[in-house]
């Protein structure tokens, strides 16, 4: 989560939205986690795994990249260092009108 927080902060002035989806946990558990980790991005709840099933999630974590038109443009499974230079460059390339790093 720390690298996601840094990534979110890095792109806060850009057309970038970071949403996390928690699958299968209770609302209070997720709220405590968000507060404890001082997350700056939204965490949505998928209590009954409906969203996970719709997107074919088979492993956690998984990241989906959606462009400004709502098209799925990429999927990444597993942990990543989201605030690395390479990841920032990749994400910047997906934003309309944004120069890379």
PDB file of N, CA and C in Angstrom:
ATOM      1  N   UNK A   1       0.795  -1.208   0.000  1.00  0.00           N
ATOM      2  CA  UNK A   1       0.000   0.000   0.000  1.00  0.00           C
ATOM      3  C   UNK A   1       0.840   1.276   0.000  1.00  0.00           C
ATOM      4  N   UNK A   2       2.005   1.295   0.617  1.00  0.00           N
ATOM      5  CA  UNK A   2       2.789   2.534   0.580  1.00  0.00           C
ATOM      6  C   UNK A   2       3.129   2.991  -0.835  1.00  0.00           C
ATOM      7  N   UNK A   3       3.453   2.053  -1.730  1.00  0.00           N
ATOM      8  CA  UNK A   3       3.804   2.476  -3.089  1.00  0.00           C
ATOM      9  C   UNK A   3       2.576   2.964  -3.846  1.00  0.00           C
ATOM     10  N   UNK A   4       1.395   2.414  -3.548  1.00  0.00           N
ATOM     11  CA  UNK A   4       0.171   2.927  -4.169  1.00  0.00           C
ATOM     12  C   UNK A   4      -0.136   4.335  -3.681  1.00  0.00           C
ATOM     13  N   UNK A   5       0.081   4.584  -2.396  1.00  0.00           N
ATOM     14  CA  UNK A   5      -0.124   5.936  -1.863  1.00  0.00           C
ATOM     15  C   UNK A   5       0.792   6.934  -2.566  1.00  0.00           C
ATOM     16  N   UNK A   6       2.057   6.549  -2.751  1.00  0.00           N
ATOM     17  CA  UNK A   6       3.011   7.436  -3.427  1.00  0.00           C
ATOM     18  C   UNK A   6       2.619   7.653  -4.883  1.00  0.00           C
ATOM     19  N   UNK A   7       2.179   6.607  -5.547  1.00  0.00           N
ATOM     20  CA  UNK A   7       1.743   6.720  -6.933  1.00  0.00           C
ATOM     21  C   UNK A   7       0.552   7.663  -7.038  1.00  0.00           C
ATOM     22  N   UNK A   8      -0.419   7.487  -6.158  1.00  0.00           N
ATOM     23  CA  UNK A   8      -1.603   8.342  -6.163  1.00  0.00           C
ATOM     24  C   UNK A   8      -1.212   9.805  -5.966  1.00  0.00           C
ATOM     25  N   UNK A   9      -0.319  10.057  -5.041  1.00  0.00           N
ATOM     26  CA  UNK A   9       0.137  11.428  -4.791  1.00  0.00           C
ATOM     27  C   UNK A   9       0.870  11.990  -6.016  1.00  0.00           C
ATOM     28  N   UNK A  10       1.705  11.174  -6.643  1.00  0.00           N
ATOM     29  CA  UNK A  10       2.478  11.623  -7.812  1.00  0.00           C
ATOM     30  C   UNK A  10       1.558  12.110  -8.937  1.00  0.00           C
ATOM     31  N   UNK A  11       0.440  11.425  -9.148  1.00  0.00           N
ATOM     32  CA  UNK A  11      -0.457  11.752 -10.258  1.00  0.00           C
ATOM     33  C   UNK A  11      -1.687  12.557  -9.825  1.00  0.00           C
ATOM     34  N   UNK A  12      -1.659  13.152  -8.643  1.00  0.00           N
ATOM     35  CA  UNK A  12      -2.856  13.824  -8.130  1.00  0.00           C
ATOM     36  C   UNK A  12      -3.320  15.000  -8.989  1.00  0.00           C
ATOM     37  N   UNK A  13      -2.431  15.606  -9.762  1.00  0.00           N
ATOM     38  CA  UNK A  13      -2.818  16.730 -10.618  1.00  0.00           C
ATOM     39  C   UNK A  13      -3.162  16.286 -12.047  1.00  0.00           C
ATOM     40  N   UNK A  14      -3.132  15.000 -12.288  1.00  0.00           N
ATOM     41  CA  UNK A  14      -3.361  14.457 -13.625  1.00  0.00           C
ATOM     42  C   UNK A  14      -4.736  13.801 -13.727  1.00  0.00           C
ATOM     43  N   UNK A  15      -5.141  13.481 -14.959  1.00  0.00           N
ATOM     44  CA  UNK A  15      -6.420  12.774 -15.137  1.00  0.00           C
ATOM     45  C   UNK A  15      -6.236  11.298 -14.772  1.00  0.00           C
ATOM     46  N   UNK A  16      -6.048  11.050 -13.494  1.00  0.00           N
ATOM     47  CA  UNK A  16      -5.715   9.721 -12.992  1.00  0.00           C
ATOM     48  C   UNK A  16      -6.593   9.418 -11.788  1.00  0.00           C
ATOM     49  N   UNK A  17      -7.216   8.264 -11.808  1.00  0.00           N
ATOM     50  CA  UNK A  17      -8.043   7.841 -10.684  1.00  0.00           C
ATOM     51  C   UNK A  17      -7.542   6.472 -10.240  1.00  0.00           C
ATOM     52  N   UNK A  18      -7.312   6.341  -8.967  1.00  0.00           N
ATOM     53  CA  UNK A  18      -6.906   5.072  -8.386  1.00  0.00           C
ATOM     54  C   UNK A  18      -8.031   4.598  -7.480  1.00  0.00           C
ATOM     55  N   UNK A  19      -8.572   3.441  -7.800  1.00  0.00           N
ATOM     56  CA  UNK A  19      -9.614   2.828  -6.979  1.00  0.00           C
ATOM     57  C   UNK A  19      -9.134   1.453  -6.564  1.00  0.00           C
ATOM     58  N   UNK A  20      -9.253   1.159  -5.305  1.00  0.00           N
ATOM     59  CA  UNK A  20      -8.963  -0.189  -4.822  1.00  0.00           C
ATOM     60  C   UNK A  20     -10.299  -0.874  -4.577  1.00  0.00           C
ATOM     61  N   UNK A  21     -10.342  -2.163  -4.797  1.00  0.00           N
ATOM     62  CA  UNK A  21     -11.542  -2.934  -4.521  1.00  0.00           C
ATOM     63  C   UNK A  21     -11.169  -4.051  -3.562  1.00  0.00           C
ATOM     64  N   UNK A  22     -11.788  -4.033  -2.400  1.00  0.00           N
ATOM     65  CA  UNK A  22     -11.564  -5.085  -1.419  1.00  0.00           C
ATOM     66  C   UNK A  22     -12.601  -6.175  -1.655  1.00  0.00           C
ATOM     67  N   UNK A  23     -12.120  -7.399  -1.762  1.00  0.00           N
ATOM     68  CA  UNK A  23     -13.015  -8.514  -2.082  1.00  0.00           C
ATOM     69  C   UNK A  23     -13.258  -9.380  -0.846  1.00  0.00           C
ATOM     70  N   UNK A  24     -14.526  -9.485  -0.474  1.00  0.00           N
ATOM     71  CA  UNK A  24     -14.951 -10.464   0.510  1.00  0.00           C
ATOM     72  C   UNK A  24     -14.786 -10.120   1.974  1.00  0.00           C
ATOM     73  N   UNK A  25     -14.375  -8.899   2.306  1.00  0.00           N
ATOM     74  CA  UNK A  25     -14.212  -8.554   3.719  1.00  0.00           C
ATOM     75  C   UNK A  25     -15.348  -7.646   4.181  1.00  0.00           C
ATOM     76  N   UNK A  26     -15.530  -7.601   5.465  1.00  0.00           N
ATOM     77  CA  UNK A  26     -16.564  -6.772   6.068  1.00  0.00           C
ATOM     78  C   UNK A  26     -16.185  -5.298   6.006  1.00  0.00           C
ATOM     79  N   UNK A  27     -17.195  -4.454   5.928  1.00  0.00           N
ATOM     80  CA  UNK A  27     -16.986  -3.011   5.818  1.00  0.00           C
ATOM     81  C   UNK A  27     -16.129  -2.454   6.954  1.00  0.00           C
ATOM     82  N   UNK A  28     -16.400  -2.849   8.183  1.00  0.00           N
ATOM     83  CA  UNK A  28     -15.647  -2.309   9.323  1.00  0.00           C
ATOM     84  C   UNK A  28     -14.171  -2.709   9.273  1.00  0.00           C
ATOM     85  N   UNK A  29     -13.892  -3.909   8.808  1.00  0.00           N
ATOM     86  CA  UNK A  29     -12.509  -4.372   8.661  1.00  0.00           C
ATOM     87  C   UNK A  29     -11.770  -3.492   7.662  1.00  0.00           C
ATOM     88  N   UNK A  30     -12.423  -3.208   6.559  1.00  0.00           N
ATOM     89  CA  UNK A  30     -11.819  -2.383   5.507  1.00  0.00           C
ATOM     90  C   UNK A  30     -11.657  -0.946   5.998  1.00  0.00           C
ATOM     91  N   UNK A  31     -12.662  -0.411   6.672  1.00  0.00           N
ATOM     92  CA  UNK A  31     -12.570   0.952   7.206  1.00  0.00           C
ATOM     93  C   UNK A  31     -11.378   1.104   8.145  1.00  0.00           C
ATOM     94  N   UNK A  32     -11.206   0.143   9.038  1.00  0.00           N
ATOM     95  CA  UNK A  32     -10.064   0.194   9.961  1.00  0.00           C
ATOM     96  C   UNK A  32      -8.744   0.164   9.202  1.00  0.00           C
ATOM     97  N   UNK A  33      -8.656  -0.660   8.171  1.00  0.00           N
ATOM     98  CA  UNK A  33      -7.439  -0.760   7.373  1.00  0.00           C
ATOM     99  C   UNK A  33      -7.145   0.564   6.659  1.00  0.00           C
ATOM    100  N   UNK A  34      -8.163   1.160   6.065  1.00  0.00           N
ATOM    101  CA  UNK A  34      -8.004   2.437   5.351  1.00  0.00           C
ATOM    102  C   UNK A  34      -7.546   3.518   6.318  1.00  0.00           C
ATOM    103  N   UNK A  35      -8.161   3.589   7.475  1.00  0.00           N
ATOM    104  CA  UNK A  35      -7.783   4.597   8.470  1.00  0.00           C
ATOM    105  C   UNK A  35      -6.378   4.365   9.008  1.00  0.00           C
ATOM    106  N   UNK A  36      -6.070   3.133   9.339  1.00  0.00           N
ATOM    107  CA  UNK A  36      -4.754   2.797   9.886  1.00  0.00           C
ATOM    108  C   UNK A  36      -3.638   3.142   8.906  1.00  0.00           C
ATOM    109  N   UNK A  37      -3.894   2.936   7.614  1.00  0.00           N
ATOM    110  CA  UNK A  37      -2.883   3.174   6.586  1.00  0.00           C
ATOM    111  C   UNK A  37      -3.007   4.542   5.930  1.00  0.00           C
ATOM    112  N   UNK A  38      -3.961   5.344   6.393  1.00  0.00           N
ATOM    113  CA  UNK A  38      -4.154   6.708   5.902  1.00  0.00           C
ATOM    114  C   UNK A  38      -4.164   6.750   4.371  1.00  0.00           C
ATOM    115  N   UNK A  39      -5.014   5.907   3.770  1.00  0.00           N
ATOM    116  CA  UNK A  39      -5.065   5.824   2.312  1.00  0.00           C
ATOM    117  C   UNK A  39      -5.722   7.074   1.732  1.00  0.00           C
ATOM    118  N   UNK A  40      -5.135   7.579   0.665  1.00  0.00           N
ATOM    119  CA  UNK A  40      -5.617   8.804   0.037  1.00  0.00           C
ATOM    120  C   UNK A  40      -6.502   8.526  -1.173  1.00  0.00           C
ATOM    121  N   UNK A  41      -6.724   7.272  -1.474  1.00  0.00           N
ATOM    122  CA  UNK A  41      -7.560   6.896  -2.615  1.00  0.00           C
ATOM    123  C   UNK A  41      -8.758   6.095  -2.105  1.00  0.00           C
ATOM    124  N   UNK A  42      -9.768   5.976  -2.951  1.00  0.00           N
ATOM    125  CA  UNK A  42     -11.001   5.286  -2.562  1.00  0.00           C
ATOM    126  C   UNK A  42     -10.816   3.777  -2.557  1.00  0.00           C
ATOM    127  N   UNK A  43     -11.437   3.156  -1.570  1.00  0.00           N
ATOM    128  CA  UNK A  43     -11.451   1.697  -1.481  1.00  0.00           C
ATOM    129  C   UNK A  43     -12.917   1.274  -1.527  1.00  0.00           C
ATOM    130  N   UNK A  44     -13.256   0.546  -2.566  1.00  0.00           N
ATOM    131  CA  UNK A  44     -14.622   0.076  -2.762  1.00  0.00           C
ATOM    132  C   UNK A  44     -14.765  -1.334  -2.209  1.00  0.00           C
ATOM    133  N   UNK A  45     -15.983  -1.695  -1.827  1.00  0.00           N
ATOM    134  CA  UNK A  45     -16.230  -3.013  -1.242  1.00  0.00           C
ATOM    135  C   UNK A  45     -16.933  -3.930  -2.238  1.00  0.00           C
ATOM    136  N   UNK A  46     -16.434  -5.138  -2.333  1.00  0.00           N
ATOM    137  CA  UNK A  46     -17.058  -6.191  -3.124  1.00  0.00           C
ATOM    138  C   UNK A  46     -17.309  -7.356  -2.172  1.00  0.00           C
ATOM    139  N   UNK A  47     -18.231  -7.139  -1.251  1.00  0.00           N
ATOM    140  CA  UNK A  47     -18.485  -8.101  -0.171  1.00  0.00           C
ATOM    141  C   UNK A  47     -18.799  -9.504  -0.670  1.00  0.00           C
ATOM    142  N   UNK A  48     -19.596  -9.598  -1.731  1.00  0.00           N
ATOM    143  CA  UNK A  48     -20.034 -10.915  -2.200  1.00  0.00           C
ATOM    144  C   UNK A  48     -19.256 -11.407  -3.425  1.00  0.00           C
ATOM    145  N   UNK A  49     -18.175 -10.720  -3.764  1.00  0.00           N
ATOM    146  CA  UNK A  49     -17.276 -11.103  -4.871  1.00  0.00           C
ATOM    147  C   UNK A  49     -17.916 -11.007  -6.258  1.00  0.00           C
ATOM    148  N   UNK A  50     -18.991 -10.251  -6.399  1.00  0.00           N
ATOM    149  CA  UNK A  50     -19.657 -10.091  -7.685  1.00  0.00           C
ATOM    150  C   UNK A  50     -18.749  -9.412  -8.702  1.00  0.00           C
ATOM    151  N   UNK A  51     -18.094  -8.342  -8.285  1.00  0.00           N
ATOM    152  CA  UNK A  51     -17.198  -7.605  -9.198  1.00  0.00           C
ATOM    153  C   UNK A  51     -16.008  -8.478  -9.567  1.00  0.00           C
ATOM    154  N   UNK A  52     -15.439  -9.163  -8.597  1.00  0.00           N
ATOM    155  CA  UNK A  52     -14.304 -10.051  -8.869  1.00  0.00           C
ATOM    156  C   UNK A  52     -14.691 -11.117  -9.891  1.00  0.00           C
ATOM    157  N   UNK A  53     -15.868 -11.676  -9.756  1.00  0.00           N
ATOM    158  CA  UNK A  53     -16.330 -12.696 -10.701  1.00  0.00           C
ATOM    159  C   UNK A  53     -16.519 -12.104 -12.091  1.00  0.00           C
ATOM    160  N   UNK A  54     -17.084 -10.910 -12.147  1.00  0.00           N
ATOM    161  CA  UNK A  54     -17.333 -10.266 -13.443  1.00  0.00           C
ATOM    162  C   UNK A  54     -16.029  -9.994 -14.191  1.00  0.00           C
ATOM    163  N   UNK A  55     -14.981  -9.630 -13.464  1.00  0.00           N
ATOM    164  CA  UNK A  55     -13.691  -9.334 -14.092  1.00  0.00           C
ATOM    165  C   UNK A  55     -12.786 -10.569 -14.182  1.00  0.00           C
ATOM    166  N   UNK A  56     -13.258 -11.702 -13.725  1.00  0.00           N
ATOM    167  CA  UNK A  56     -12.473 -12.922 -13.836  1.00  0.00           C
ATOM    168  C   UNK A  56     -11.249 -12.949 -12.934  1.00  0.00           C
ATOM    169  N   UNK A  57     -11.341 -12.319 -11.780  1.00  0.00           N
ATOM    170  CA  UNK A  57     -10.214 -12.287 -10.847  1.00  0.00           C
ATOM    171  C   UNK A  57      -9.969 -13.685 -10.309  1.00  0.00           C
ATOM    172  N   UNK A  58      -8.722 -14.157 -10.478  1.00  0.00           N
ATOM    173  CA  UNK A  58      -8.356 -15.485  -9.995  1.00  0.00           C
ATOM    174  C   UNK A  58      -7.272 -15.427  -8.924  1.00  0.00           C
ATOM    175  N   UNK A  59      -6.626 -14.277  -8.813  1.00  0.00           N
ATOM    176  CA  UNK A  59      -5.543 -14.098  -7.839  1.00  0.00           C
ATOM    177  C   UNK A  59      -5.590 -12.669  -7.315  1.00  0.00           C
ATOM    178  N   UNK A  60      -4.985 -12.477  -6.156  1.00  0.00           N
ATOM    179  CA  UNK A  60      -4.932 -11.136  -5.554  1.00  0.00           C
ATOM    180  C   UNK A  60      -3.488 -10.821  -5.230  1.00  0.00           C
ATOM    181  N   UNK A  61      -3.029  -9.634  -5.395  1.00  0.00           N
ATOM    182  CA  UNK A  61      -3.762  -8.517  -5.993  1.00  0.00           C
ATOM    183  C   UNK A  61      -3.724  -8.584  -7.509  1.00  0.00           C
ATOM    184  N   UNK A  62      -4.639  -7.859  -8.105  1.00  0.00           N
ATOM    185  CA  UNK A  62      -4.682  -7.707  -9.560  1.00  0.00           C
ATOM    186  C   UNK A  62      -5.030  -6.245  -9.830  1.00  0.00           C
ATOM    187  N   UNK A  63      -4.414  -5.679 -10.866  1.00  0.00           N
ATOM    188  CA  UNK A  63      -4.670  -4.284 -11.236  1.00  0.00           C
ATOM    189  C   UNK A  63      -5.223  -4.250 -12.660  1.00  0.00           C
ATOM    190  N   UNK A  64      -6.244  -3.429 -12.855  1.00  0.00           N
ATOM    191  CA  UNK A  64      -6.831  -3.218 -14.177  1.00  0.00           C
ATOM    192  C   UNK A  64      -6.613  -1.770 -14.565  1.00  0.00           C
ATOM    193  N   UNK A  65      -6.165  -1.548 -15.781  1.00  0.00           N
ATOM    194  CA  UNK A  65      -5.948  -0.202 -16.278  1.00  0.00           C
ATOM    195  C   UNK A  65      -7.037   0.112 -17.292  1.00  0.00           C
ATOM    196  N   UNK A  66      -7.758   1.194 -17.020  1.00  0.00           N
ATOM    197  CA  UNK A  66      -8.873   1.599 -17.853  1.00  0.00           C
ATOM    198  C   UNK A  66      -8.574   3.003 -18.356  1.00  0.00           C
ATOM    199  N   UNK A  67      -8.716   3.212 -19.682  1.00  0.00           N
ATOM    200  CA  UNK A  67      -8.418   4.533 -20.238  1.00  0.00           C
ATOM    201  C   UNK A  67      -9.592   5.487 -20.032  1.00  0.00           C
ATOM    202  N   UNK A  68      -9.428   6.716 -20.491  1.00  0.00           N
ATOM    203  CA  UNK A  68     -10.426   7.770 -20.275  1.00  0.00           C
ATOM    204  C   UNK A  68     -11.771   7.444 -20.929  1.00  0.00           C
ATOM    205  N   UNK A  69     -11.759   6.579 -21.936  1.00  0.00           N
ATOM    206  CA  UNK A  69     -12.999   6.194 -22.609  1.00  0.00           C
ATOM    207  C   UNK A  69     -13.646   4.965 -21.984  1.00  0.00           C
ATOM    208  N   UNK A  70     -13.018   4.414 -20.945  1.00  0.00           N
ATOM    209  CA  UNK A  70     -13.575   3.250 -20.273  1.00  0.00           C
ATOM    210  C   UNK A  70     -13.128   1.916 -20.844  1.00  0.00           C
ATOM    211  N   UNK A  71     -12.132   1.939 -21.722  1.00  0.00           N
ATOM    212  CA  UNK A  71     -11.619   0.707 -22.316  1.00  0.00           C
ATOM    213  C   UNK A  71     -10.557   0.078 -21.424  1.00  0.00           C
ATOM    214  N   UNK A  72     -10.631  -1.218 -21.253  1.00  0.00           N
ATOM    215  CA  UNK A  72      -9.611  -1.950 -20.516  1.00  0.00           C
ATOM    216  C   UNK A  72      -8.357  -2.007 -21.389  1.00  0.00           C
ATOM    217  N   UNK A  73      -7.255  -1.446 -20.876  1.00  0.00           N
ATOM    218  CA  UNK A  73      -6.031  -1.382 -21.674  1.00  0.00           C
ATOM    219  C   UNK A  73      -4.887  -2.199 -21.085  1.00  0.00           C
ATOM    220  N   UNK A  74      -5.098  -2.779 -19.914  1.00  0.00           N
ATOM    221  CA  UNK A  74      -4.045  -3.599 -19.338  1.00  0.00           C
ATOM    222  C   UNK A  74      -4.473  -4.255 -18.045  1.00  0.00           C
ATOM    223  N   UNK A  75      -3.823  -5.380 -17.748  1.00  0.00           N
ATOM    224  CA  UNK A  75      -4.073  -6.123 -16.516  1.00  0.00           C
ATOM    225  C   UNK A  75      -2.728  -6.573 -15.969  1.00  0.00           C
ATOM    226  N   UNK A  76      -2.534  -6.398 -14.665  1.00  0.00           N
ATOM    227  CA  UNK A  76      -1.299  -6.834 -14.011  1.00  0.00           C
ATOM    228  C   UNK A  76      -1.687  -7.660 -12.786  1.00  0.00           C
ATOM    229  N   UNK A  77      -1.155  -8.863 -12.700  1.00  0.00           N
ATOM    230  CA  UNK A  77      -1.389  -9.691 -11.525  1.00  0.00           C
ATOM    231  C   UNK A  77      -0.148  -9.703 -10.658  1.00  0.00           C
ATOM    232  N   UNK A  78      -0.354  -9.695  -9.355  1.00  0.00           N
ATOM    233  CA  UNK A  78       0.752  -9.758  -8.414  1.00  0.00           C
ATOM    234  C   UNK A  78       1.184  -8.391  -7.928  1.00  0.00           C
ATOM    235  N   UNK A  79       2.065  -8.430  -6.945  1.00  0.00           N
ATOM    236  CA  UNK A  79       2.555  -7.194  -6.334  1.00  0.00           C
ATOM    237  C   UNK A  79       3.523  -6.487  -7.260  1.00  0.00           C
ATOM    238  N   UNK A  80       3.514  -5.174  -7.196  1.00  0.00           N
ATOM    239  CA  UNK A  80       4.430  -4.338  -7.971  1.00  0.00           C
ATOM    240  C   UNK A  80       4.888  -3.179  -7.107  1.00  0.00           C
ATOM    241  N   UNK A  81       6.003  -2.605  -7.472  1.00  0.00           N
ATOM    242  CA  UNK A  81       6.448  -1.348  -6.862  1.00  0.00           C
ATOM    243  C   UNK A  81       5.828  -0.254  -7.722  1.00  0.00           C
ATOM    244  N   UNK A  82       4.624   0.149  -7.342  1.00  0.00           N
ATOM    245  CA  UNK A  82       3.819   1.044  -8.167  1.00  0.00           C
ATOM    246  C   UNK A  82       4.420   2.434  -8.327  1.00  0.00           C
ATOM    247  N   UNK A  83       5.271   2.845  -7.405  1.00  0.00           N
ATOM    248  CA  UNK A  83       5.843   4.192  -7.498  1.00  0.00           C
ATOM    249  C   UNK A  83       7.220   4.199  -8.160  1.00  0.00           C
ATOM    250  N   UNK A  84       7.583   3.122  -8.845  1.00  0.00           N
ATOM    251  CA  UNK A  84       8.876   3.085  -9.540  1.00  0.00           C
ATOM    252  C   UNK A  84       8.825   3.985 -10.778  1.00  0.00           C
ATOM    253  N   UNK A  85       9.979   4.391 -11.244  1.00  0.00           N
ATOM    254  CA  UNK A  85      10.054   5.251 -12.431  1.00  0.00           C
ATOM    255  C   UNK A  85       9.416   4.564 -13.640  1.00  0.00           C
ATOM    256  N   UNK A  86       9.699   3.277 -13.823  1.00  0.00           N
ATOM    257  CA  UNK A  86       9.133   2.549 -14.964  1.00  0.00           C
ATOM    258  C   UNK A  86       7.614   2.514 -14.915  1.00  0.00           C
ATOM    259  N   UNK A  87       7.048   2.281 -13.747  1.00  0.00           N
ATOM    260  CA  UNK A  87       5.597   2.220 -13.622  1.00  0.00           C
ATOM    261  C   UNK A  87       4.980   3.601 -13.861  1.00  0.00           C
ATOM    262  N   UNK A  88       5.606   4.640 -13.327  1.00  0.00           N
ATOM    263  CA  UNK A  88       5.103   6.002 -13.553  1.00  0.00           C
ATOM    264  C   UNK A  88       5.146   6.356 -15.033  1.00  0.00           C
ATOM    265  N   UNK A  89       6.212   5.956 -15.718  1.00  0.00           N
ATOM    266  CA  UNK A  89       6.336   6.223 -17.151  1.00  0.00           C
ATOM    267  C   UNK A  89       5.242   5.494 -17.922  1.00  0.00           C
ATOM    268  N   UNK A  90       5.015   4.231 -17.574  1.00  0.00           N
ATOM    269  CA  UNK A  90       3.965   3.455 -18.231  1.00  0.00           C
ATOM    270  C   UNK A  90       2.600   4.106 -18.029  1.00  0.00           C
ATOM    271  N   UNK A  91       2.277   4.460 -16.807  1.00  0.00           N
ATOM    272  CA  UNK A  91       0.969   5.052 -16.524  1.00  0.00           C
ATOM    273  C   UNK A  91       0.817   6.420 -17.189  1.00  0.00           C
ATOM    274  N   UNK A  92       1.873   7.210 -17.200  1.00  0.00           N
ATOM    275  CA  UNK A  92       1.818   8.520 -17.865  1.00  0.00           C
ATOM    276  C   UNK A  92       1.532   8.346 -19.355  1.00  0.00           C
ATOM    277  N   UNK A  93       2.071   7.288 -19.948  1.00  0.00           N
ATOM    278  CA  UNK A  93       1.853   7.057 -21.382  1.00  0.00           C
ATOM    279  C   UNK A  93       0.392   6.726 -21.701  1.00  0.00           C
ATOM    280  N   UNK A  94      -0.366   6.308 -20.699  1.00  0.00           N
ATOM    281  CA  UNK A  94      -1.778   5.976 -20.899  1.00  0.00           C
ATOM    282  C   UNK A  94      -2.687   7.179 -20.728  1.00  0.00           C
ATOM    283  N   UNK A  95      -2.130   8.300 -20.269  1.00  0.00           N
ATOM    284  CA  UNK A  95      -2.939   9.496 -20.018  1.00  0.00           C
ATOM    285  C   UNK A  95      -2.880  10.422 -21.228  1.00  0.00           C
ATOM    286  N   UNK A  96      -4.056  10.825 -21.719  1.00  0.00           N
ATOM    287  CA  UNK A  96      -4.073  11.726 -22.874  1.00  0.00           C
ATOM    288  C   UNK A  96      -3.416  13.064 -22.550  1.00  0.00           C
ATOM    289  N   UNK A  97      -2.534  13.499 -23.439  1.00  0.00           N
ATOM    290  CA  UNK A  97      -1.892  14.801 -23.289  1.00  0.00           C
ATOM    291  C   UNK A  97      -0.821  14.872 -22.218  1.00  0.00           C
ATOM    292  N   UNK A  98      -0.451  13.767 -21.637  1.00  0.00           N
ATOM    293  CA  UNK A  98       0.563  13.777 -20.561  1.00  0.00           C
ATOM    294  C   UNK A  98       1.878  13.304 -21.130  1.00  0.00           C
ATOM    295  N   UNK A  99       2.888  14.096 -20.942  1.00  0.00           N
ATOM    296  CA  UNK A  99       4.236  13.682 -21.313  1.00  0.00           C
ATOM    297  C   UNK A  99       4.692  12.624 -20.341  1.00  0.00           C
ATOM    298  N   UNK A 100       5.542  11.727 -20.784  1.00  0.00           N
ATOM    299  CA  UNK A 100       6.081  10.754 -19.826  1.00  0.00           C
ATOM    300  C   UNK A 100       6.945  11.492 -18.834  1.00  0.00           C
ATOM    301  N   UNK A 101       7.304  10.822 -17.763  1.00  0.00           N
ATOM    302  CA  UNK A 101       8.042  11.367 -16.634  1.00  0.00           C
ATOM    303  C   UNK A 101       8.755  12.632 -17.015  1.00  0.00           C
TER     304      UNK A 101
END
